[in-house]
N, C-alpha and C. Protein backbone atom coordinates (compact mmCIF):
# COMPACT_ATOMS: atom_id res chain seq x y z
N MET A 1 0.99 -1.14 0.24
CA MET A 1 0.17 0.07 -0.12
C MET A 1 0.65 1.14 0.29
N ALA A 2 1.03 1.91 -0.75
CA ALA A 2 1.41 3.10 -1.01
C ALA A 2 0.89 4.32 -0.44
N LYS A 3 2.07 5.39 0.46
CA LYS A 3 1.00 6.43 1.12
C LYS A 3 0.88 7.58 -0.06
N THR A 4 -0.04 8.05 0.34
CA THR A 4 -0.23 9.78 -0.19
C THR A 4 0.18 10.36 0.22
N PRO A 5 0.95 11.83 -0.16
CA PRO A 5 1.35 12.47 0.78
C PRO A 5 0.74 13.57 1.26
N SER A 6 0.72 13.34 2.12
CA SER A 6 -0.17 14.91 3.37
C SER A 6 -0.29 16.10 2.51
N PRO A 7 -0.66 16.90 2.56
CA PRO A 7 -1.19 17.81 2.15
C PRO A 7 -0.22 19.06 3.00
N ALA A 8 0.47 19.89 2.11
CA ALA A 8 1.56 21.01 2.99
C ALA A 8 0.87 21.76 4.04
N LYS A 9 1.51 22.23 5.15
CA LYS A 9 1.05 22.68 6.28
C LYS A 9 1.71 24.12 5.40
N PRO A 10 0.74 25.22 5.75
CA PRO A 10 1.14 26.23 5.59
C PRO A 10 2.06 26.82 6.61
N ALA A 11 3.07 27.61 6.32
CA ALA A 11 3.99 28.20 7.47
C ALA A 11 3.65 29.29 8.69
N ALA A 12 3.90 28.32 9.62
CA ALA A 12 3.60 29.24 11.06
C ALA A 12 4.09 30.80 10.77
N ARG A 13 3.31 31.65 10.78
CA ARG A 13 3.76 32.88 10.93
C ARG A 13 4.01 32.96 12.61
N ARG A 14 4.87 34.24 12.39
CA ARG A 14 5.49 34.29 14.07
C ARG A 14 4.48 35.99 14.55
N THR A 15 4.17 35.88 15.66
CA THR A 15 3.82 36.86 16.30
C THR A 15 4.46 37.39 17.17
N ARG A 16 3.86 38.65 17.73
CA ARG A 16 4.44 39.20 18.69
C ARG A 16 3.83 39.21 20.10
N PRO A 17 4.28 38.75 20.73
CA PRO A 17 3.68 38.63 22.28
C PRO A 17 2.92 39.86 22.45
N ALA A 18 1.91 39.19 23.02
CA ALA A 18 1.25 40.62 23.25
C ALA A 18 1.81 41.69 23.93
N ALA A 19 2.30 41.57 24.79
CA ALA A 19 2.52 42.48 26.12
C ALA A 19 3.62 43.30 25.65
N LYS A 20 4.65 42.72 23.79
CA LYS A 20 5.53 43.90 23.49
C LYS A 20 4.67 44.23 22.47
N ALA A 21 3.74 44.38 21.99
CA ALA A 21 2.92 44.81 21.34
C ALA A 21 1.70 45.96 21.97
N ALA A 22 1.64 45.90 22.99
CA ALA A 22 1.10 46.78 23.58
C ALA A 22 1.97 47.97 23.86
N ALA A 23 3.87 47.57 24.21
CA ALA A 23 4.04 48.17 25.13
C ALA A 23 4.30 49.03 23.78
N LYS A 24 4.45 48.69 22.46
CA LYS A 24 5.09 49.27 21.36
C LYS A 24 4.09 50.49 20.96
N ALA A 25 2.69 50.02 20.90
CA ALA A 25 1.98 51.12 20.82
C ALA A 25 1.73 52.34 21.62
N ALA A 26 2.01 51.62 22.89
CA ALA A 26 1.36 52.77 24.10
C ALA A 26 2.59 54.21 23.78
N PRO A 27 2.21 55.42 23.79
CA PRO A 27 3.14 56.45 23.75
C PRO A 27 4.10 56.50 24.73
N LYS A 28 5.27 57.08 24.68
CA LYS A 28 6.06 57.05 26.02
C LYS A 28 5.38 58.02 27.16
N ALA A 29 5.85 58.08 27.76
CA ALA A 29 5.61 58.02 29.53
C ALA A 29 5.94 59.69 29.45
N ALA A 30 5.16 60.58 30.10
CA ALA A 30 5.46 61.81 30.63
C ALA A 30 6.69 62.03 31.15
N PRO A 31 7.36 63.23 31.05
CA PRO A 31 8.62 62.96 32.10
C PRO A 31 7.94 63.03 33.60
N LYS A 32 8.95 62.38 34.58
CA LYS A 32 7.93 62.91 35.94
C LYS A 32 8.40 64.34 36.20
N ALA A 33 6.73 64.75 37.20
CA ALA A 33 7.09 66.07 37.52
C ALA A 33 7.68 66.53 38.54
N GLY A 34 8.54 65.62 39.43
CA GLY A 34 9.73 66.38 40.37
C GLY A 34 10.55 66.70 39.76
N LYS A 35 11.08 66.03 38.21
CA LYS A 35 12.36 66.35 37.41
C LYS A 35 11.98 67.06 36.18
N PRO A 36 11.93 68.85 35.73
CA PRO A 36 12.00 69.31 34.79
C PRO A 36 12.86 68.80 34.07
N ALA A 37 12.47 68.10 32.58
CA ALA A 37 12.99 68.25 31.38
C ALA A 37 14.01 69.64 31.29
N ALA A 38 15.34 69.22 31.61
CA ALA A 38 16.08 70.76 30.88
C ALA A 38 16.25 70.73 29.57
N ALA A 39 15.58 72.66 29.21
CA ALA A 39 15.73 72.69 27.68
C ALA A 39 17.33 72.63 26.66
N LYS A 40 17.21 72.45 25.85
CA LYS A 40 18.79 72.47 25.14
C LYS A 40 19.00 73.79 24.70
N PRO A 41 19.93 74.49 25.08
CA PRO A 41 19.97 76.11 24.45
C PRO A 41 20.04 75.49 22.83
N LYS A 42 19.38 76.60 22.04
CA LYS A 42 19.75 76.48 20.59
C LYS A 42 21.12 77.92 20.42
N ALA A 43 22.25 76.94 19.62
CA ALA A 43 23.08 77.91 19.00
C ALA A 43 22.95 79.20 18.05
N ALA A 44 22.99 80.39 18.39
CA ALA A 44 22.88 81.23 17.42
C ALA A 44 23.50 81.14 15.87
N GLY A 45 22.47 81.14 15.38
CA GLY A 45 23.16 81.05 13.76
C GLY A 45 23.18 79.24 13.74
N ARG A 46 22.52 78.93 14.30
CA ARG A 46 22.56 77.28 13.61
C ARG A 46 21.40 76.61 12.21
N LYS A 47 22.19 76.59 11.53
CA LYS A 47 21.12 76.00 10.51
C LYS A 47 20.05 75.11 10.66
N PRO A 48 19.18 75.48 10.14
CA PRO A 48 18.00 75.02 10.12
C PRO A 48 18.12 73.55 9.91
N ALA A 49 17.22 72.51 10.71
CA ALA A 49 17.16 71.09 11.00
C ALA A 49 16.41 71.02 9.13
N LYS A 50 17.01 70.04 8.17
CA LYS A 50 16.47 69.72 7.30
C LYS A 50 15.37 68.57 7.52
N ALA A 51 14.41 69.03 6.60
CA ALA A 51 13.14 67.39 6.74
C ALA A 51 14.06 66.45 6.09
N PRO A 52 13.19 65.34 6.70
CA PRO A 52 13.23 63.95 6.99
C PRO A 52 13.48 63.61 5.50
N GLY A 53 14.24 62.89 4.65
CA GLY A 53 14.14 62.70 3.19
C GLY A 53 14.56 63.75 2.29
N ALA A 54 15.37 64.57 2.19
CA ALA A 54 15.86 65.48 1.37
C ALA A 54 15.90 65.14 0.05
N LYS A 55 15.38 66.28 -0.92
CA LYS A 55 15.63 66.27 -2.04
C LYS A 55 16.38 66.78 -2.92
N ASN A 56 16.85 66.34 -3.92
CA ASN A 56 17.62 66.95 -4.58
C ASN A 56 16.96 68.00 -5.75
N ALA A 57 17.33 68.34 -7.16
CA ALA A 57 17.04 69.59 -7.45
C ALA A 57 15.80 69.55 -7.94
N THR A 58 15.87 68.14 -8.61
CA THR A 58 14.54 67.87 -9.58
C THR A 58 13.27 67.68 -8.34
N GLY A 59 13.76 67.54 -7.25
CA GLY A 59 12.34 67.05 -5.83
C GLY A 59 12.01 65.69 -5.85
N LYS A 60 13.12 65.10 -6.20
CA LYS A 60 12.77 63.39 -6.01
C LYS A 60 13.66 63.31 -4.82
N LYS A 61 13.55 62.35 -3.95
CA LYS A 61 13.79 61.98 -2.78
C LYS A 61 15.42 61.52 -3.36
N MET A 62 16.51 61.56 -2.09
CA MET A 62 17.59 61.57 -2.49
C MET A 62 17.90 59.89 -2.07
N LYS A 63 18.41 58.58 -2.94
CA LYS A 63 18.74 57.85 -2.10
C LYS A 63 20.25 57.65 -1.36
N THR A 64 20.21 57.67 -0.16
CA THR A 64 21.83 57.69 0.50
C THR A 64 21.84 56.32 0.98
N ILE A 65 23.34 55.81 0.26
CA ILE A 65 23.90 54.71 0.77
C ILE A 65 24.90 54.77 1.89
N ARG A 66 24.70 53.70 2.79
CA ARG A 66 25.95 53.14 4.05
C ARG A 66 27.26 53.13 3.53
N ASP A 67 27.96 53.55 4.23
CA ASP A 67 29.83 52.94 4.10
C ASP A 67 30.64 53.20 5.22
N SER A 68 31.09 52.28 4.61
CA SER A 68 32.62 52.63 5.81
C SER A 68 33.54 52.10 5.45
N PHE A 69 34.88 52.88 5.98
CA PHE A 69 36.31 52.55 5.74
C PHE A 69 37.19 53.12 6.36
N ASN A 70 38.22 52.72 6.18
CA ASN A 70 39.38 52.84 7.36
C ASN A 70 40.07 54.68 7.04
N MET A 71 40.37 55.12 8.08
CA MET A 71 41.40 56.36 7.73
C MET A 71 42.38 56.24 9.25
N PRO A 72 43.01 57.06 8.82
CA PRO A 72 44.66 57.00 9.51
C PRO A 72 44.04 57.89 10.63
N ALA A 73 44.54 58.61 11.94
CA ALA A 73 43.92 58.82 12.65
C ALA A 73 44.41 61.05 12.78
N ASP A 74 45.29 60.68 12.37
CA ASP A 74 45.57 62.07 11.75
C ASP A 74 44.66 63.01 10.78
N ASP A 75 44.21 61.75 9.99
CA ASP A 75 42.99 62.23 9.18
C ASP A 75 41.53 62.92 9.86
N TYR A 76 41.56 61.87 10.92
CA TYR A 76 39.92 62.03 11.52
C TYR A 76 40.08 62.89 12.26
N ALA A 77 41.42 63.25 12.78
CA ALA A 77 41.53 64.62 13.78
C ALA A 77 41.33 65.69 12.56
N LEU A 78 40.88 65.95 11.55
CA LEU A 78 41.27 66.71 10.68
C LEU A 78 39.68 67.43 10.50
N ILE A 79 38.67 66.21 10.91
CA ILE A 79 37.27 66.11 10.55
C ILE A 79 36.87 67.16 12.04
N ALA A 80 37.75 66.83 13.27
CA ALA A 80 37.25 66.82 14.25
C ALA A 80 37.75 68.42 14.51
N ALA A 81 38.74 69.02 13.71
CA ALA A 81 39.04 70.18 13.74
C ALA A 81 37.91 70.88 12.68
N LEU A 82 38.06 70.47 11.71
CA LEU A 82 36.78 71.20 10.75
C LEU A 82 35.80 71.23 11.05
N LYS A 83 35.00 70.55 12.22
CA LYS A 83 33.68 70.60 12.32
C LYS A 83 33.81 71.83 13.97
N LYS A 84 35.00 71.91 14.64
CA LYS A 84 35.15 72.61 15.69
C LYS A 84 35.24 74.04 14.61
N ARG A 85 35.88 73.94 13.34
CA ARG A 85 35.94 75.54 12.90
C ARG A 85 34.80 75.93 12.07
N ALA A 86 33.60 74.89 11.59
CA ALA A 86 32.41 75.17 11.65
C ALA A 86 31.54 75.76 12.93
N LEU A 87 31.62 75.53 13.99
CA LEU A 87 30.72 75.50 15.23
C LEU A 87 31.41 77.09 15.22
N ASP A 88 32.97 77.65 15.27
CA ASP A 88 33.14 78.95 15.48
C ASP A 88 32.15 79.79 14.33
N ALA A 89 32.63 78.96 13.09
CA ALA A 89 31.82 79.86 11.97
C ALA A 89 29.84 79.78 12.37
N ALA A 90 29.63 79.73 13.79
CA ALA A 90 28.23 79.37 14.28
C ALA A 90 27.36 78.52 13.20
N THR A 91 28.06 77.62 12.63
CA THR A 91 27.73 76.25 11.78
C THR A 91 27.54 75.12 11.99
N GLN A 92 26.61 74.55 12.39
CA GLN A 92 27.04 73.18 12.97
C GLN A 92 27.12 71.94 11.71
N VAL A 93 27.96 71.27 11.77
CA VAL A 93 27.80 70.13 10.36
C VAL A 93 28.34 68.70 11.17
N LYS A 94 28.02 67.55 10.02
CA LYS A 94 28.46 66.50 10.68
C LYS A 94 29.18 65.73 9.73
N LYS A 95 29.67 64.70 9.98
CA LYS A 95 31.21 64.41 9.60
C LYS A 95 30.75 64.05 8.02
N SER A 96 29.65 63.30 7.78
CA SER A 96 29.33 62.98 6.33
C SER A 96 28.83 64.47 5.87
N GLU A 97 28.58 65.02 5.72
CA GLU A 97 28.25 66.92 5.21
C GLU A 97 30.04 67.32 4.93
N LEU A 98 30.68 67.17 6.13
CA LEU A 98 32.39 67.52 5.62
C LEU A 98 33.17 66.87 4.20
N LEU A 99 32.68 65.42 4.27
CA LEU A 99 32.89 64.57 3.33
C LEU A 99 32.74 64.92 2.35
N ARG A 100 31.61 64.80 2.09
CA ARG A 100 30.70 65.12 0.81
C ARG A 100 31.05 67.03 0.33
N ALA A 101 30.92 67.65 1.58
CA ALA A 101 31.57 69.10 0.81
C ALA A 101 33.27 68.68 0.40
N GLY A 102 34.02 67.90 0.71
CA GLY A 102 34.92 67.70 0.15
C GLY A 102 35.52 67.18 -0.96
N LEU A 103 34.23 65.95 -1.29
CA LEU A 103 33.95 65.47 -2.67
C LEU A 103 33.47 66.83 -3.47
N ARG A 104 32.64 67.45 -3.66
CA ARG A 104 32.32 68.22 -4.14
C ARG A 104 33.43 69.87 -4.57
N LEU A 105 34.46 70.09 -3.45
CA LEU A 105 35.53 70.80 -4.09
C LEU A 105 36.63 69.91 -4.54
N LEU A 106 36.70 68.79 -5.13
CA LEU A 106 37.80 67.81 -5.06
C LEU A 106 37.13 67.86 -6.92
N THR A 107 36.07 67.67 -7.39
CA THR A 107 35.28 67.74 -8.47
C THR A 107 35.22 69.05 -8.95
N THR A 108 36.19 69.91 -8.56
CA THR A 108 36.14 71.40 -9.13
C THR A 108 37.80 71.82 -9.60
N LEU A 109 38.30 70.72 -9.21
CA LEU A 109 39.86 71.01 -9.69
C LEU A 109 39.64 70.42 -11.04
N GLY A 110 40.84 70.92 -11.68
CA GLY A 110 41.56 70.64 -12.67
C GLY A 110 42.66 69.14 -12.38
N ASN A 111 42.81 68.13 -13.56
CA ASN A 111 43.39 67.57 -13.38
C ASN A 111 44.74 67.51 -12.66
N ASP A 112 45.65 68.31 -13.03
CA ASP A 112 46.92 68.52 -12.26
C ASP A 112 46.50 68.52 -10.92
N ALA A 113 45.94 69.63 -10.20
CA ALA A 113 45.51 70.05 -9.27
C ALA A 113 44.86 68.87 -8.51
N PHE A 114 44.31 67.64 -9.32
CA PHE A 114 43.71 66.87 -8.27
C PHE A 114 44.71 65.33 -8.24
N GLN A 115 45.51 65.62 -9.04
CA GLN A 115 46.59 64.33 -9.15
C GLN A 115 47.54 64.71 -7.67
N ALA A 116 47.79 66.12 -8.06
CA ALA A 116 48.45 66.36 -6.86
C ALA A 116 47.69 66.14 -5.23
N ALA A 117 46.19 66.59 -5.65
CA ALA A 117 45.43 66.25 -4.15
C ALA A 117 45.92 64.65 -3.80
N LEU A 118 45.56 63.72 -4.67
CA LEU A 118 45.53 62.10 -4.71
C LEU A 118 46.97 62.04 -3.92
N ALA A 119 48.04 62.48 -4.58
CA ALA A 119 49.06 61.99 -4.16
C ALA A 119 49.86 62.40 -2.68
N ALA A 120 49.20 63.57 -2.29
CA ALA A 120 49.22 64.13 -0.95
C ALA A 120 48.82 63.28 0.02
N VAL A 121 48.18 62.38 -0.32
CA VAL A 121 47.16 61.18 0.66
C VAL A 121 47.79 59.96 0.68
N PRO A 122 48.51 59.74 1.67
CA PRO A 122 48.67 58.39 1.77
C PRO A 122 48.05 56.92 1.42
N ALA A 123 48.58 55.99 0.95
CA ALA A 123 47.55 54.30 0.88
C ALA A 123 47.35 54.39 2.65
N VAL A 124 46.16 53.37 2.49
CA VAL A 124 45.84 52.97 3.47
C VAL A 124 45.47 51.49 3.70
N LYS A 125 46.10 50.64 4.42
CA LYS A 125 45.63 49.06 4.35
C LYS A 125 43.56 49.08 4.57
N THR A 126 43.21 48.53 3.57
CA THR A 126 42.16 48.19 3.55
C THR A 126 41.58 46.83 4.38
N GLY A 127 40.16 46.72 5.00
CA GLY A 127 39.82 45.61 5.88
C GLY A 127 40.05 46.14 7.21
N ARG A 128 39.11 44.92 7.90
CA ARG A 128 38.92 45.21 9.10
C ARG A 128 40.64 45.17 10.12
N PRO A 129 40.39 46.37 11.15
CA PRO A 129 41.74 46.12 11.56
C PRO A 129 42.16 44.67 12.37
N GLY A 130 43.07 44.32 12.57
CA GLY A 130 43.20 42.88 13.51
C GLY A 130 42.56 42.88 15.26
N LYS A 131 42.72 41.70 15.58
CA LYS A 131 42.46 42.13 17.34
C LYS A 131 43.62 41.95 17.82
N HIS A 132 43.68 42.63 19.02
CA HIS A 132 45.02 43.22 19.45
C HIS A 132 45.27 41.92 20.53
N ARG A 133 45.82 41.33 20.82
CA ARG A 133 46.15 40.11 21.50
C ARG A 133 46.85 40.55 22.68
N LYS A 134 46.14 40.14 24.14
CA LYS A 134 47.07 40.50 25.28
C LYS A 134 47.86 39.04 25.76
N GLY A 135 49.00 39.13 25.62
CA GLY A 135 50.09 38.60 25.97
C GLY A 135 50.76 38.12 27.75
């Protein structure tokens, strides 16, 4: 007697426990009345916050790409110095904005100046740093 295959069972869906779903849906509790929330002072001349999903010149939402890379400590210190310089000029700036501004400046250079700028930057070993072993 041959066995007939049983009908395939549909895959069971994972569901959240009710407690987690309720906690997620509940609004955050207000701060305690005993401790008033400290208001953060706004920097004078601070640039206005950009709306989420910045748009390019054509009005379409720009796609962002997340990336990581290695950088010498000296160059990383330059980012901190440039951020401080921007704050001194009453402009708050993020690391990614500094790097993007640098890219835009590089595109304005002629070929000779561009090659000179590239030659001034030492090559860096790619990949993740090795684990430091304690002996």
